[in-house]
Structure formats: structure tokens, C-alpha cells
N, C-alpha and C. Protein backbone atom coordinates (compact mmCIF):
# COMPACT_ATOMS: atom_id res chain seq x y z
N UNK A 1 81.52 127.09 76.56
CA UNK A 1 81.97 126.00 77.43
C UNK A 1 81.76 126.39 78.89
N UNK A 2 81.08 125.54 79.66
CA UNK A 2 80.78 125.86 81.05
C UNK A 2 82.03 125.78 81.90
N UNK A 3 82.17 126.76 82.81
CA UNK A 3 83.30 126.76 83.73
C UNK A 3 83.06 125.76 84.84
N UNK A 4 84.11 125.11 85.38
CA UNK A 4 83.94 124.15 86.49
C UNK A 4 83.33 124.82 87.70
N UNK A 5 82.38 124.16 88.35
CA UNK A 5 81.80 124.69 89.57
C UNK A 5 82.79 124.54 90.72
N UNK A 6 82.49 125.24 91.85
CA UNK A 6 83.37 125.13 93.02
C UNK A 6 83.46 123.69 93.50
N UNK A 7 82.29 122.98 93.44
CA UNK A 7 82.28 121.58 93.89
C UNK A 7 83.16 120.72 93.00
N UNK A 8 83.09 120.98 91.66
CA UNK A 8 83.89 120.19 90.73
C UNK A 8 85.37 120.46 90.94
N UNK A 9 85.73 121.70 91.24
CA UNK A 9 87.13 122.03 91.48
C UNK A 9 87.64 121.34 92.73
N UNK A 10 86.80 121.30 93.74
CA UNK A 10 87.18 120.64 95.00
C UNK A 10 87.39 119.15 94.78
N UNK A 11 86.50 118.52 93.98
CA UNK A 11 86.65 117.10 93.67
C UNK A 11 87.88 116.85 92.80
N UNK A 12 88.23 117.83 91.97
CA UNK A 12 89.42 117.71 91.14
C UNK A 12 90.67 117.60 92.01
N UNK A 13 90.72 118.39 93.07
CA UNK A 13 91.87 118.37 93.97
C UNK A 13 91.94 117.02 94.68
N UNK A 14 90.80 116.53 95.17
CA UNK A 14 90.78 115.22 95.83
C UNK A 14 91.24 114.13 94.87
N UNK A 15 90.75 114.16 93.65
CA UNK A 15 91.13 113.16 92.66
C UNK A 15 92.63 113.22 92.37
N UNK A 16 93.17 114.41 92.32
CA UNK A 16 94.60 114.60 92.05
C UNK A 16 95.43 113.92 93.13
N UNK A 17 95.07 114.14 94.40
CA UNK A 17 95.83 113.56 95.51
C UNK A 17 95.64 112.04 95.54
N UNK A 18 94.40 111.57 95.39
CA UNK A 18 94.13 110.13 95.43
C UNK A 18 94.81 109.39 94.29
N UNK A 19 94.87 110.02 93.13
CA UNK A 19 95.51 109.40 91.97
C UNK A 19 97.01 109.22 92.20
N UNK A 20 97.63 110.23 92.85
CA UNK A 20 99.06 110.13 93.13
C UNK A 20 99.35 109.06 94.17
N UNK A 21 98.45 108.90 95.13
CA UNK A 21 98.61 107.83 96.13
C UNK A 21 98.44 106.48 95.46
N UNK A 22 97.41 106.34 94.62
CA UNK A 22 97.14 105.08 93.94
C UNK A 22 98.28 104.68 93.01
N UNK A 23 98.92 105.66 92.39
CA UNK A 23 100.01 105.39 91.46
C UNK A 23 101.33 105.11 92.17
N UNK A 24 101.37 105.34 93.50
CA UNK A 24 102.59 105.11 94.26
C UNK A 24 103.52 106.30 94.31
N UNK A 25 103.09 107.43 93.71
CA UNK A 25 103.91 108.64 93.77
C UNK A 25 103.94 109.21 95.18
N UNK A 26 102.88 108.95 95.93
CA UNK A 26 102.82 109.35 97.34
C UNK A 26 102.56 108.09 98.16
N UNK A 27 103.44 107.79 99.10
CA UNK A 27 103.30 106.61 99.94
C UNK A 27 103.02 107.01 101.39
N UNK A 28 102.63 106.00 102.19
CA UNK A 28 102.33 106.24 103.60
C UNK A 28 103.49 106.94 104.28
N UNK A 29 103.16 108.03 105.00
CA UNK A 29 104.17 108.79 105.73
C UNK A 29 104.78 109.93 104.95
N UNK A 30 104.55 109.96 103.63
CA UNK A 30 105.12 111.04 102.83
C UNK A 30 104.24 112.29 102.88
N UNK A 31 104.89 113.42 102.76
CA UNK A 31 104.18 114.70 102.79
C UNK A 31 103.49 114.94 101.44
N UNK A 32 102.24 115.39 101.49
CA UNK A 32 101.51 115.72 100.26
C UNK A 32 101.69 117.20 99.96
N UNK A 33 101.41 117.63 98.73
CA UNK A 33 101.55 119.05 98.41
C UNK A 33 100.74 119.92 99.37
N UNK A 34 101.30 121.05 99.75
CA UNK A 34 100.62 121.97 100.65
C UNK A 34 99.48 122.68 99.93
N UNK A 35 98.66 123.41 100.67
CA UNK A 35 97.57 124.17 100.06
C UNK A 35 98.12 125.14 99.02
N UNK A 36 99.20 125.83 99.36
CA UNK A 36 99.80 126.79 98.42
C UNK A 36 100.29 126.09 97.16
N UNK A 37 100.88 124.91 97.32
CA UNK A 37 101.38 124.17 96.15
C UNK A 37 100.23 123.70 95.28
N UNK A 38 99.13 123.27 95.90
CA UNK A 38 97.97 122.84 95.14
C UNK A 38 97.33 124.02 94.41
N UNK A 39 97.30 125.17 95.07
CA UNK A 39 96.76 126.38 94.44
C UNK A 39 97.52 126.69 93.16
N UNK A 40 98.85 126.65 93.24
CA UNK A 40 99.67 126.98 92.08
C UNK A 40 99.58 125.91 90.99
N UNK A 41 99.60 124.63 91.39
CA UNK A 41 99.66 123.56 90.41
C UNK A 41 98.33 123.33 89.72
N UNK A 42 97.22 123.47 90.46
CA UNK A 42 95.90 123.15 89.90
C UNK A 42 95.05 124.38 89.59
N UNK A 43 95.60 125.56 89.91
CA UNK A 43 94.87 126.82 89.65
C UNK A 43 93.51 126.83 90.34
N UNK A 44 93.52 126.51 91.64
CA UNK A 44 92.30 126.55 92.44
C UNK A 44 92.49 127.56 93.57
N UNK A 45 91.40 127.88 94.23
CA UNK A 45 91.50 128.79 95.37
C UNK A 45 92.06 128.06 96.58
N UNK A 46 92.58 128.82 97.53
CA UNK A 46 93.09 128.21 98.75
C UNK A 46 91.97 127.54 99.53
N UNK A 47 90.78 128.12 99.48
CA UNK A 47 89.63 127.53 100.19
C UNK A 47 89.29 126.15 99.60
N UNK A 48 89.37 126.05 98.27
CA UNK A 48 89.08 124.77 97.61
C UNK A 48 90.11 123.71 98.00
N UNK A 49 91.40 124.08 97.98
CA UNK A 49 92.46 123.15 98.36
C UNK A 49 92.31 122.72 99.81
N UNK A 50 91.98 123.68 100.68
CA UNK A 50 91.81 123.38 102.10
C UNK A 50 90.67 122.39 102.32
N UNK A 51 89.56 122.60 101.63
CA UNK A 51 88.41 121.71 101.78
C UNK A 51 88.77 120.29 101.34
N UNK A 52 89.47 120.16 100.23
CA UNK A 52 89.84 118.84 99.72
C UNK A 52 90.73 118.10 100.72
N UNK A 53 91.74 118.80 101.26
CA UNK A 53 92.66 118.16 102.21
C UNK A 53 91.94 117.81 103.51
N UNK A 54 91.05 118.70 103.96
CA UNK A 54 90.30 118.43 105.19
C UNK A 54 89.44 117.18 105.05
N UNK A 55 88.76 117.04 103.93
CA UNK A 55 87.87 115.89 103.76
C UNK A 55 88.66 114.60 103.56
N UNK A 56 89.81 114.68 102.89
CA UNK A 56 90.65 113.48 102.77
C UNK A 56 91.18 113.06 104.13
N UNK A 57 91.46 114.03 104.99
CA UNK A 57 91.89 113.71 106.35
C UNK A 57 90.75 113.08 107.14
N UNK A 58 89.53 113.61 106.96
CA UNK A 58 88.37 113.06 107.66
C UNK A 58 88.07 111.64 107.19
N UNK A 59 88.41 111.33 105.94
CA UNK A 59 88.21 109.98 105.39
C UNK A 59 89.30 109.01 105.81
N UNK A 60 90.34 109.51 106.51
CA UNK A 60 91.43 108.65 106.96
C UNK A 60 92.51 108.44 105.93
N UNK A 61 92.42 109.17 104.80
CA UNK A 61 93.43 109.03 103.75
C UNK A 61 94.69 109.82 104.10
N UNK A 62 94.50 110.98 104.72
CA UNK A 62 95.61 111.87 105.08
C UNK A 62 95.63 112.13 106.57
N UNK A 63 96.77 112.57 107.06
CA UNK A 63 96.93 113.04 108.44
C UNK A 63 97.48 114.46 108.39
N UNK A 64 96.80 115.40 109.05
CA UNK A 64 97.23 116.78 109.05
C UNK A 64 97.86 117.10 110.41
N UNK A 65 99.08 117.60 110.39
CA UNK A 65 99.80 117.95 111.61
C UNK A 65 100.01 119.46 111.60
N UNK A 66 99.39 120.14 112.57
CA UNK A 66 99.44 121.60 112.61
C UNK A 66 100.88 122.10 112.66
N UNK A 67 101.20 123.03 111.80
CA UNK A 67 102.52 123.63 111.78
C UNK A 67 103.59 122.77 111.11
N UNK A 68 103.22 121.57 110.68
CA UNK A 68 104.20 120.66 110.07
C UNK A 68 103.84 120.36 108.61
N UNK A 69 102.60 119.93 108.39
CA UNK A 69 102.16 119.61 107.04
C UNK A 69 101.12 118.51 107.02
N UNK A 70 100.82 118.04 105.83
CA UNK A 70 99.83 116.98 105.62
C UNK A 70 100.53 115.78 105.02
N UNK A 71 100.22 114.59 105.56
CA UNK A 71 100.94 113.38 105.17
C UNK A 71 99.96 112.26 104.82
N UNK A 72 100.42 111.32 104.01
CA UNK A 72 99.61 110.16 103.64
C UNK A 72 99.52 109.24 104.85
N UNK A 73 98.30 108.87 105.22
CA UNK A 73 98.08 108.00 106.38
C UNK A 73 98.40 106.56 106.03
N UNK A 74 98.83 105.80 107.02
CA UNK A 74 99.00 104.36 106.86
C UNK A 74 97.61 103.75 106.77
N UNK A 75 97.33 103.09 105.66
CA UNK A 75 95.99 102.56 105.46
C UNK A 75 95.81 101.26 106.22
N UNK A 76 94.73 101.18 106.96
CA UNK A 76 94.43 99.97 107.73
C UNK A 76 94.00 98.85 106.79
N UNK A 77 94.50 97.66 107.06
CA UNK A 77 94.15 96.50 106.25
C UNK A 77 92.75 96.02 106.63
N UNK A 78 91.94 95.73 105.63
CA UNK A 78 90.61 95.15 105.85
C UNK A 78 90.65 93.70 105.39
N UNK A 79 90.24 92.80 106.23
CA UNK A 79 90.24 91.38 105.86
C UNK A 79 88.91 90.76 106.24
N UNK A 80 88.42 89.91 105.37
CA UNK A 80 87.20 89.16 105.69
C UNK A 80 87.55 88.10 106.72
N UNK A 81 86.72 87.96 107.79
CA UNK A 81 87.08 87.04 108.87
C UNK A 81 87.15 85.58 108.47
N UNK A 82 86.52 85.18 107.35
CA UNK A 82 86.54 83.78 106.95
C UNK A 82 87.37 83.54 105.69
N UNK A 83 88.08 84.55 105.22
CA UNK A 83 88.85 84.41 104.00
C UNK A 83 90.29 84.03 104.33
N UNK A 84 90.84 83.08 103.59
CA UNK A 84 92.24 82.70 103.76
C UNK A 84 93.06 83.48 102.75
N UNK A 85 93.84 84.44 103.24
CA UNK A 85 94.64 85.28 102.36
C UNK A 85 96.11 85.16 102.71
N UNK A 86 96.93 85.36 101.72
CA UNK A 86 98.37 85.41 101.92
C UNK A 86 98.73 86.78 102.50
N UNK A 87 99.44 86.82 103.61
CA UNK A 87 99.80 88.09 104.24
C UNK A 87 100.59 88.96 103.27
N UNK A 88 101.36 88.34 102.39
CA UNK A 88 102.12 89.12 101.40
C UNK A 88 101.18 89.90 100.49
N UNK A 89 100.04 89.29 100.12
CA UNK A 89 99.07 89.98 99.28
C UNK A 89 98.45 91.16 100.02
N UNK A 90 98.19 90.99 101.32
CA UNK A 90 97.63 92.08 102.11
C UNK A 90 98.58 93.26 102.17
N UNK A 91 99.87 92.99 102.35
CA UNK A 91 100.86 94.06 102.41
C UNK A 91 100.97 94.75 101.05
N UNK A 92 100.97 93.97 99.98
CA UNK A 92 101.04 94.56 98.65
C UNK A 92 99.82 95.41 98.36
N UNK A 93 98.66 95.01 98.90
CA UNK A 93 97.43 95.79 98.68
C UNK A 93 97.53 97.17 99.33
N UNK A 94 98.39 97.31 100.33
CA UNK A 94 98.59 98.60 100.97
C UNK A 94 99.60 99.47 100.22
N UNK A 95 100.13 98.95 99.10
CA UNK A 95 101.08 99.72 98.31
C UNK A 95 102.52 99.50 98.70
N UNK A 96 102.80 98.46 99.51
CA UNK A 96 104.16 98.18 99.95
C UNK A 96 104.69 96.93 99.26
N UNK A 97 105.99 96.79 99.24
CA UNK A 97 106.61 95.54 98.87
C UNK A 97 106.77 94.69 100.13
N UNK A 98 106.71 93.39 99.96
CA UNK A 98 106.68 92.49 101.11
C UNK A 98 108.05 91.87 101.38
N UNK A 99 108.36 91.72 102.68
CA UNK A 99 109.57 91.04 103.11
C UNK A 99 109.26 90.24 104.35
N UNK A 100 109.70 88.99 104.39
CA UNK A 100 109.45 88.12 105.53
C UNK A 100 110.76 87.71 106.17
N UNK A 101 110.84 87.84 107.49
CA UNK A 101 112.03 87.44 108.24
C UNK A 101 111.68 86.22 109.08
N UNK A 102 112.41 85.14 108.90
CA UNK A 102 112.17 83.91 109.67
C UNK A 102 112.88 84.02 111.01
N UNK A 103 112.10 84.07 112.09
CA UNK A 103 112.68 84.16 113.43
C UNK A 103 112.96 82.78 114.01
N UNK A 104 112.12 81.80 113.68
CA UNK A 104 112.29 80.43 114.16
C UNK A 104 111.88 79.45 113.07
N UNK A 105 112.68 78.40 112.89
CA UNK A 105 112.34 77.34 111.94
C UNK A 105 112.88 76.03 112.53
N UNK A 106 111.98 75.23 113.09
CA UNK A 106 112.44 74.02 113.77
C UNK A 106 111.32 72.98 113.83
N UNK A 107 111.58 71.92 114.56
CA UNK A 107 110.61 70.86 114.80
C UNK A 107 110.30 70.84 116.29
N UNK A 108 109.00 70.72 116.64
CA UNK A 108 108.61 70.75 118.04
C UNK A 108 107.81 69.50 118.38
N UNK A 109 107.84 69.15 119.65
CA UNK A 109 107.01 68.07 120.18
C UNK A 109 105.70 68.69 120.64
N UNK A 110 104.59 68.28 120.06
CA UNK A 110 103.31 68.95 120.27
C UNK A 110 102.79 68.78 121.69
N UNK A 111 102.59 69.90 122.44
CA UNK A 111 101.90 69.80 123.73
C UNK A 111 100.43 69.48 123.49
N UNK A 112 99.69 69.16 124.55
CA UNK A 112 98.33 68.65 124.39
C UNK A 112 97.43 69.61 123.61
N UNK A 113 97.43 70.91 123.96
CA UNK A 113 96.53 71.85 123.28
C UNK A 113 96.84 71.95 121.79
N UNK A 114 98.12 72.03 121.44
CA UNK A 114 98.51 72.12 120.04
C UNK A 114 98.20 70.81 119.32
N UNK A 115 98.42 69.70 119.98
CA UNK A 115 98.12 68.40 119.38
C UNK A 115 96.64 68.29 119.03
N UNK A 116 95.77 68.78 119.92
CA UNK A 116 94.33 68.74 119.65
C UNK A 116 93.99 69.60 118.43
N UNK A 117 94.61 70.77 118.33
CA UNK A 117 94.34 71.65 117.19
C UNK A 117 94.82 71.02 115.88
N UNK A 118 95.91 70.28 115.95
CA UNK A 118 96.49 69.68 114.75
C UNK A 118 95.92 68.32 114.43
N UNK A 119 95.14 67.76 115.33
CA UNK A 119 94.57 66.44 115.09
C UNK A 119 95.58 65.32 115.16
N UNK A 120 96.59 65.49 116.04
CA UNK A 120 97.61 64.46 116.21
C UNK A 120 97.70 64.08 117.69
N UNK A 121 98.50 63.09 118.00
CA UNK A 121 98.67 62.66 119.38
C UNK A 121 99.67 63.59 120.09
N UNK A 122 99.48 63.86 121.40
CA UNK A 122 100.46 64.65 122.16
C UNK A 122 101.86 64.06 122.01
N UNK A 123 102.83 64.92 121.80
CA UNK A 123 104.20 64.47 121.62
C UNK A 123 104.60 64.27 120.17
N UNK A 124 103.64 64.33 119.26
CA UNK A 124 103.97 64.15 117.84
C UNK A 124 104.88 65.28 117.38
N UNK A 125 105.76 64.98 116.45
CA UNK A 125 106.68 65.97 115.92
C UNK A 125 105.98 66.82 114.85
N UNK A 126 106.10 68.15 115.00
CA UNK A 126 105.48 69.07 114.05
C UNK A 126 106.53 70.07 113.56
N UNK A 127 106.45 70.43 112.28
CA UNK A 127 107.29 71.51 111.77
C UNK A 127 106.74 72.84 112.29
N UNK A 128 107.62 73.71 112.76
CA UNK A 128 107.20 74.97 113.37
C UNK A 128 108.03 76.12 112.81
N UNK A 129 107.34 77.21 112.48
CA UNK A 129 108.05 78.42 112.03
C UNK A 129 107.41 79.65 112.67
N UNK A 130 108.26 80.63 112.95
CA UNK A 130 107.81 81.92 113.44
C UNK A 130 108.35 82.95 112.45
N UNK A 131 107.42 83.61 111.74
CA UNK A 131 107.79 84.50 110.64
C UNK A 131 107.24 85.89 110.92
N UNK A 132 108.09 86.92 110.72
CA UNK A 132 107.67 88.31 110.87
C UNK A 132 107.57 88.91 109.48
N UNK A 133 106.42 89.52 109.18
CA UNK A 133 106.18 90.09 107.86
C UNK A 133 106.31 91.61 107.91
N UNK A 134 107.05 92.15 106.95
CA UNK A 134 107.28 93.59 106.87
C UNK A 134 106.82 94.10 105.50
N UNK A 135 106.72 95.43 105.39
CA UNK A 135 106.46 96.07 104.10
C UNK A 135 107.67 96.86 103.67
N UNK A 136 107.65 97.26 102.36
CA UNK A 136 108.69 98.12 101.78
C UNK A 136 110.06 97.47 101.78
N UNK A 137 110.15 96.23 101.33
CA UNK A 137 111.44 95.58 101.17
C UNK A 137 111.30 94.51 100.10
N UNK A 138 112.33 93.71 99.90
CA UNK A 138 112.31 92.69 98.86
C UNK A 138 111.32 91.58 99.20
N UNK A 139 110.62 91.12 98.21
CA UNK A 139 109.59 90.10 98.41
C UNK A 139 110.14 88.70 98.17
N UNK A 140 109.62 87.71 98.94
CA UNK A 140 110.02 86.34 98.71
C UNK A 140 108.90 85.40 99.13
N UNK A 141 109.04 84.12 98.85
CA UNK A 141 107.97 83.16 99.09
C UNK A 141 107.65 83.03 100.57
N UNK A 142 106.36 83.03 100.90
CA UNK A 142 105.93 82.87 102.29
C UNK A 142 105.54 81.42 102.54
N UNK A 143 105.44 81.00 103.82
CA UNK A 143 104.95 79.64 104.11
C UNK A 143 103.58 79.38 103.49
N UNK A 144 102.73 80.43 103.48
CA UNK A 144 101.40 80.28 102.88
C UNK A 144 101.52 79.92 101.41
N UNK A 145 102.37 80.65 100.67
CA UNK A 145 102.52 80.38 99.24
C UNK A 145 103.01 78.95 99.00
N UNK A 146 103.95 78.51 99.83
CA UNK A 146 104.48 77.14 99.70
C UNK A 146 103.38 76.12 99.94
N UNK A 147 102.58 76.32 101.00
CA UNK A 147 101.54 75.35 101.33
C UNK A 147 100.46 75.31 100.26
N UNK A 148 100.12 76.47 99.68
CA UNK A 148 99.09 76.48 98.64
C UNK A 148 99.53 75.68 97.42
N UNK A 149 100.85 75.59 97.19
CA UNK A 149 101.35 74.79 96.08
C UNK A 149 101.44 73.30 96.46
N UNK A 150 101.94 73.04 97.67
CA UNK A 150 102.16 71.65 98.08
C UNK A 150 100.87 70.97 98.54
N UNK A 151 99.97 71.72 99.16
CA UNK A 151 98.73 71.16 99.69
C UNK A 151 97.59 72.14 99.45
N UNK A 152 97.00 72.14 98.26
CA UNK A 152 95.94 73.11 97.92
C UNK A 152 94.81 73.10 98.95
N UNK A 153 94.37 74.29 99.28
CA UNK A 153 93.36 74.48 100.33
C UNK A 153 92.02 73.87 99.94
N UNK A 154 91.44 73.08 100.86
CA UNK A 154 90.10 72.55 100.67
C UNK A 154 89.13 73.05 101.74
N UNK A 155 89.63 73.30 102.93
CA UNK A 155 88.77 73.78 104.02
C UNK A 155 89.61 74.58 105.00
N UNK A 156 88.99 75.56 105.63
CA UNK A 156 89.71 76.38 106.61
C UNK A 156 88.80 76.71 107.79
N UNK A 157 89.42 76.92 108.92
CA UNK A 157 88.72 77.28 110.15
C UNK A 157 89.46 78.45 110.80
N UNK A 158 88.72 79.47 111.23
CA UNK A 158 89.33 80.62 111.90
C UNK A 158 88.69 80.84 113.27
N UNK A 159 89.51 81.15 114.25
CA UNK A 159 89.06 81.61 115.55
C UNK A 159 89.76 82.94 115.82
N UNK A 160 88.98 83.98 116.13
CA UNK A 160 89.54 85.32 116.30
C UNK A 160 89.45 85.73 117.77
N UNK A 161 90.57 86.22 118.31
CA UNK A 161 90.61 86.66 119.70
C UNK A 161 91.34 88.00 119.81
N UNK A 162 90.89 88.82 120.74
CA UNK A 162 91.65 90.01 121.12
C UNK A 162 92.53 89.61 122.30
N UNK A 163 93.83 89.82 122.20
CA UNK A 163 94.75 89.32 123.22
C UNK A 163 95.76 90.39 123.61
N UNK A 164 96.34 90.20 124.79
CA UNK A 164 97.52 90.96 125.20
C UNK A 164 98.71 90.06 124.88
N UNK A 165 99.48 90.39 123.85
CA UNK A 165 100.55 89.47 123.41
C UNK A 165 101.63 89.29 124.46
N UNK A 166 102.20 88.09 124.50
CA UNK A 166 103.31 87.85 125.42
C UNK A 166 104.54 88.63 124.94
N UNK A 167 105.52 88.71 125.82
CA UNK A 167 106.66 89.60 125.61
C UNK A 167 107.35 89.46 124.28
N UNK A 168 107.61 88.22 123.85
CA UNK A 168 108.37 88.04 122.61
C UNK A 168 107.59 88.56 121.40
N UNK A 169 106.29 88.24 121.34
CA UNK A 169 105.47 88.72 120.23
C UNK A 169 105.41 90.24 120.24
N UNK A 170 105.25 90.82 121.43
CA UNK A 170 105.18 92.29 121.53
C UNK A 170 106.46 92.94 121.03
N UNK A 171 107.61 92.34 121.37
CA UNK A 171 108.88 92.92 120.92
C UNK A 171 109.05 92.79 119.42
N UNK A 172 108.69 91.63 118.86
CA UNK A 172 108.84 91.41 117.43
C UNK A 172 107.95 92.34 116.61
N UNK A 173 106.75 92.64 117.12
CA UNK A 173 105.83 93.53 116.42
C UNK A 173 106.03 94.99 116.80
N UNK A 174 107.02 95.24 117.72
CA UNK A 174 107.32 96.60 118.16
C UNK A 174 106.07 97.28 118.74
N UNK A 175 105.37 96.55 119.61
CA UNK A 175 104.19 97.08 120.29
C UNK A 175 104.57 97.64 121.65
N UNK A 176 103.88 98.68 122.05
CA UNK A 176 104.05 99.24 123.38
C UNK A 176 103.24 98.41 124.38
N UNK A 177 103.66 98.37 125.67
CA UNK A 177 102.86 97.67 126.68
C UNK A 177 101.43 98.21 126.67
N UNK A 178 100.47 97.32 126.63
CA UNK A 178 99.07 97.73 126.63
C UNK A 178 98.47 97.88 125.25
N UNK A 179 99.30 97.85 124.18
CA UNK A 179 98.76 97.94 122.82
C UNK A 179 97.90 96.72 122.51
N UNK A 180 96.81 96.95 121.79
CA UNK A 180 95.91 95.86 121.43
C UNK A 180 96.53 95.00 120.34
N UNK A 181 96.17 93.73 120.37
CA UNK A 181 96.67 92.79 119.36
C UNK A 181 95.53 91.85 118.98
N UNK A 182 95.39 91.62 117.68
CA UNK A 182 94.37 90.72 117.18
C UNK A 182 95.02 89.40 116.79
N UNK A 183 94.52 88.30 117.35
CA UNK A 183 95.04 86.97 117.07
C UNK A 183 94.02 86.19 116.26
N UNK A 184 94.44 85.72 115.09
CA UNK A 184 93.62 84.85 114.26
C UNK A 184 94.24 83.45 114.32
N UNK A 185 93.52 82.51 114.88
CA UNK A 185 93.97 81.13 114.98
C UNK A 185 93.36 80.36 113.80
N UNK A 186 94.23 79.87 112.92
CA UNK A 186 93.76 79.28 111.67
C UNK A 186 94.20 77.84 111.53
N UNK A 187 93.30 76.99 110.99
CA UNK A 187 93.64 75.62 110.61
C UNK A 187 93.17 75.42 109.17
N UNK A 188 93.96 74.68 108.38
CA UNK A 188 93.56 74.37 107.02
C UNK A 188 93.65 72.87 106.78
N UNK A 189 92.80 72.37 105.85
CA UNK A 189 92.73 70.95 105.54
C UNK A 189 92.96 70.70 104.05
N UNK A 190 93.57 69.59 103.74
CA UNK A 190 93.69 69.10 102.37
C UNK A 190 93.44 67.60 102.39
N UNK A 191 92.57 67.12 101.52
CA UNK A 191 92.24 65.69 101.44
C UNK A 191 91.82 65.14 102.81
N UNK A 192 91.05 65.96 103.54
CA UNK A 192 90.51 65.52 104.82
C UNK A 192 91.49 65.52 105.97
N UNK A 193 92.73 66.01 105.74
CA UNK A 193 93.74 66.04 106.81
C UNK A 193 94.14 67.47 107.11
N UNK A 194 94.41 67.74 108.39
CA UNK A 194 94.92 69.05 108.79
C UNK A 194 96.36 69.19 108.28
N UNK A 195 96.63 70.24 107.51
CA UNK A 195 97.98 70.43 106.98
C UNK A 195 98.68 71.65 107.56
N UNK A 196 97.94 72.57 108.16
CA UNK A 196 98.60 73.72 108.78
C UNK A 196 97.78 74.26 109.94
N UNK A 197 98.50 74.71 110.95
CA UNK A 197 97.91 75.41 112.09
C UNK A 197 98.72 76.68 112.28
N UNK A 198 98.06 77.82 112.28
CA UNK A 198 98.79 79.09 112.35
C UNK A 198 98.15 80.03 113.36
N UNK A 199 99.00 80.74 114.11
CA UNK A 199 98.57 81.84 114.97
C UNK A 199 99.07 83.13 114.32
N UNK A 200 98.15 83.95 113.85
CA UNK A 200 98.49 85.16 113.10
C UNK A 200 98.22 86.37 113.98
N UNK A 201 99.29 87.03 114.43
CA UNK A 201 99.17 88.20 115.30
C UNK A 201 99.24 89.47 114.47
N UNK A 202 98.29 90.38 114.72
CA UNK A 202 98.25 91.65 113.99
C UNK A 202 98.13 92.81 114.98
N UNK A 203 98.94 93.86 114.83
CA UNK A 203 98.75 95.06 115.66
C UNK A 203 97.34 95.60 115.47
N UNK A 204 96.60 95.75 116.55
CA UNK A 204 95.21 96.16 116.46
C UNK A 204 94.99 97.51 115.81
N UNK A 205 95.96 98.41 115.92
CA UNK A 205 95.80 99.75 115.36
C UNK A 205 95.93 99.76 113.85
N UNK A 206 96.42 98.66 113.24
CA UNK A 206 96.65 98.66 111.80
C UNK A 206 95.91 97.53 111.08
N UNK A 207 94.96 96.89 111.76
CA UNK A 207 94.29 95.75 111.14
C UNK A 207 92.88 95.63 111.69
N UNK A 208 91.95 95.33 110.80
CA UNK A 208 90.59 95.08 111.26
C UNK A 208 89.94 94.03 110.38
N UNK A 209 88.93 93.35 110.93
CA UNK A 209 88.19 92.34 110.18
C UNK A 209 86.87 92.95 109.72
N UNK A 210 86.48 92.63 108.48
CA UNK A 210 85.24 93.14 107.94
C UNK A 210 84.65 92.10 107.02
N UNK A 211 83.35 91.93 107.07
CA UNK A 211 82.69 90.98 106.19
C UNK A 211 81.22 91.29 106.07
N UNK A 212 80.58 90.71 105.09
CA UNK A 212 79.14 90.89 104.90
C UNK A 212 78.48 89.52 104.88
N UNK A 213 77.22 89.49 105.30
CA UNK A 213 76.46 88.25 105.31
C UNK A 213 75.07 88.53 104.77
N UNK A 214 74.63 87.70 103.83
CA UNK A 214 73.32 87.85 103.25
C UNK A 214 72.54 86.57 103.43
N UNK A 215 71.51 86.57 104.29
CA UNK A 215 70.74 85.34 104.50
C UNK A 215 70.04 84.90 103.23
N UNK A 216 69.95 83.59 103.07
CA UNK A 216 69.31 83.04 101.86
C UNK A 216 67.79 83.08 102.00
């Protein structure tokens, strides 16, 4: 029986760590086994364990802090710029449970710019909500989930901007002054009518847009 090569042993260590992250045994911010612990548990050399942790850190999976330890990195969310996704699904994809806090739920008189986006006359009454989405807490129905049931999506439009968020948004997202923020302005239609207009603010350090295009 052939003995595992050094490369195979190194990949074994990477697979061990990635499998524990995928299974939820290791979550973002948690400390991963040290080189010494990996040596004892997997019967590999310290050099092999070190290489595996270094490459996982280079891939953005782990964060290594000198003199402290190695920790699971917060994984950045990847979203297609033209895809309509439920924010709760995005949070769950990161391995967290979703929780939404309603900051505002009221009716507003549409100013001109908002009225144009909604396809209504200025001054028209619109339902308005301001919702903050968190991870690692109890999950419940989001406005998106409700709308998908009440008014199934037929068409969507996205406008993406890099913005400096105003004070209230910055405080709610716990952003430092000067932190980047990505704003996705979304409209959806059902039966030829606009049914939702949303401004989706994302901390720039934890969110990015990605997509592919193949010409016909």
C-alpha cells in the first residue's frame, strides 16, 4: 500500500479544516486547531500543518493573528448584480441564522424622486419599511418573502451605486466614518405594475457583486 505523499498530507489537512467549517463545527471568528493540535490529531508534520493553514489564509478562508492564533474569516457574500435574492438566503449561505429587526414600518407621502421610481403621482401614499438584517439569531419572514408570495416576481431592475451612507444608515450598520457602502436600488414588477422599490445598503467590506456574461 502506497504511503501518502507530502502533497496529499497537506491537502488532507486543508480538507479537514474546510470540512469542519462547512459542517458548522467552526464558524466565523472561531479559533481553528493550532499547528500542534493538527500535528497530534492528523499525524502530520508541523511543516505540513503550517503550509495548509498558510494557504487557507491566503485563500481568505482563515485569518492568522501572530501570537494569538488562527481564526475562521468572515466570508464575503457574492451576489450576481442582476439576481433578485432574499437577504435571508444570503445570510444563511454564509452559515448564519437570519434575524431581521424592523426599525420603521409606516406609510409615507411619496416625494417626486420616489414617486418617479414607483410609477405613481407625487404625494401618493406608499407603504414604507426600514429593516436591519442580522446573522446568528432566530429567523423570521422578511418583506421579500412576503412579496414573493403576494406578488410573484415577473421583472426586476437594479441600479448599483457606491455611496457614503447618511448618518442613520451608518449607525444602523455600525459603520465607521469613511467606510464604504454599496447601495443597490431595486424595483420589481408583477402583472405590469411596480410592486416594490427597495434601497439595499451593504457594508462594502463584507459584500461584493459578481456575475458572468456570455455573448450569443
